[in-house]
Amino acid sequence: MIFWDTSALVRCYAQREAGHERAMSFLASRERMSGSVLLLPEVAGALSRLAGADRALAAGLLRKFREDVATFELFPIDIA
């Protein structure tokens, strides 16, 4: 199982980011993907910032992220 954090997952969508290829290889693996439900707002926000004023780019990045994260097992957060 691969448990993603926000910064690692954002690298999958930021081609110029250091570690992009490595992150993509993990995402393309046949391992089960998982992470906290916090991935949803955090990655969406980071991708929106990454795209800046380019709405078409933002829409494409967010669409790809939604497709990818749909296969993830997302864990809730709690006080513990």
Protein backbone atom coordinates (compact mmCIF):
# COMPACT_ATOMS: atom_id res chain seq x y z
CA MET A 1 0.00 0.00 0.00
CA ILE A 2 1.23 3.48 -0.85
CA PHE A 3 0.08 6.18 1.56
CA TRP A 4 0.28 9.55 -0.16
CA ASP A 5 0.90 12.93 1.40
CA THR A 6 -0.05 16.13 -0.36
CA SER A 7 3.39 17.26 -1.49
CA ALA A 8 4.21 13.89 -3.04
CA LEU A 9 0.89 13.64 -4.87
CA VAL A 10 1.13 17.20 -6.21
CA ARG A 11 4.44 16.23 -7.83
CA CYS A 12 2.49 13.86 -10.09
CA TYR A 13 0.78 16.83 -11.72
CA ALA A 14 3.69 19.30 -11.68
CA GLN A 15 5.97 18.16 -14.47
CA ARG A 16 8.71 20.67 -13.65
CA GLU A 17 8.76 19.73 -9.96
CA ALA A 18 11.74 17.74 -8.67
CA GLY A 19 10.62 14.17 -8.07
CA HIS A 20 7.87 14.24 -10.72
CA GLU A 21 9.02 11.08 -12.50
CA ARG A 22 9.43 9.15 -9.25
CA ALA A 23 5.99 10.21 -8.01
CA MET A 24 4.45 9.21 -11.34
CA SER A 25 6.07 5.77 -11.12
CA PHE A 26 4.43 5.24 -7.73
CA LEU A 27 1.06 6.41 -9.03
CA ALA A 28 1.34 4.08 -12.03
CA SER A 29 2.24 1.08 -9.87
CA ARG A 30 -0.20 -1.68 -9.12
CA GLU A 31 -0.03 -1.00 -5.39
CA ARG A 32 -3.14 0.01 -3.47
CA MET A 33 -3.26 3.78 -3.09
CA SER A 34 -4.35 5.50 0.09
CA GLY A 35 -4.14 8.73 2.00
CA SER A 36 -5.97 11.04 4.35
CA VAL A 37 -9.18 12.76 3.27
CA LEU A 38 -7.12 15.94 3.62
CA LEU A 39 -5.66 15.12 0.21
CA LEU A 40 -8.88 16.33 -1.40
CA PRO A 41 -8.79 20.02 -0.41
CA GLU A 42 -5.01 20.27 -0.10
CA VAL A 43 -4.15 18.86 -3.53
CA ALA A 44 -7.04 20.70 -5.21
CA GLY A 45 -5.80 23.98 -3.72
CA ALA A 46 -2.19 23.32 -4.70
CA LEU A 47 -3.18 22.45 -8.27
CA SER A 48 -5.30 25.58 -8.55
CA ARG A 49 -2.35 27.68 -7.38
CA LEU A 50 -0.04 25.83 -9.76
CA ALA A 51 -2.29 26.65 -12.74
CA GLY A 52 -2.58 30.30 -11.77
CA ALA A 53 -4.89 32.25 -14.08
CA ASP A 54 -4.99 29.46 -16.69
CA ARG A 55 -8.50 28.10 -16.09
CA ALA A 56 -8.20 25.39 -18.75
CA LEU A 57 -5.03 24.08 -17.15
CA ALA A 58 -6.63 24.16 -13.70
CA ALA A 59 -9.67 22.26 -14.97
CA GLY A 60 -7.48 19.63 -16.62
CA LEU A 61 -5.30 19.14 -13.55
CA LEU A 62 -8.31 18.89 -11.25
CA ARG A 63 -10.06 16.43 -13.59
CA LYS A 64 -6.98 14.18 -13.69
CA PHE A 65 -6.62 14.40 -9.90
CA ARG A 66 -10.30 13.42 -9.40
CA GLU A 67 -9.83 10.43 -11.71
CA ASP A 68 -6.72 9.30 -9.86
CA VAL A 69 -8.00 9.83 -6.32
CA ALA A 70 -11.24 7.98 -7.11
CA THR A 71 -9.23 4.75 -6.81
CA PHE A 72 -7.67 5.71 -3.46
CA GLU A 73 -8.74 4.43 -0.07
CA LEU A 74 -9.14 7.66 1.90
CA PHE A 75 -8.91 7.57 5.67
CA PRO A 76 -10.81 9.98 7.92
CA ILE A 77 -8.99 12.14 10.39
CA ASP A 78 -9.82 12.35 14.06
CA ILE A 79 -8.46 13.94 17.19
CA ALA A 80 -6.38 10.90 18.09
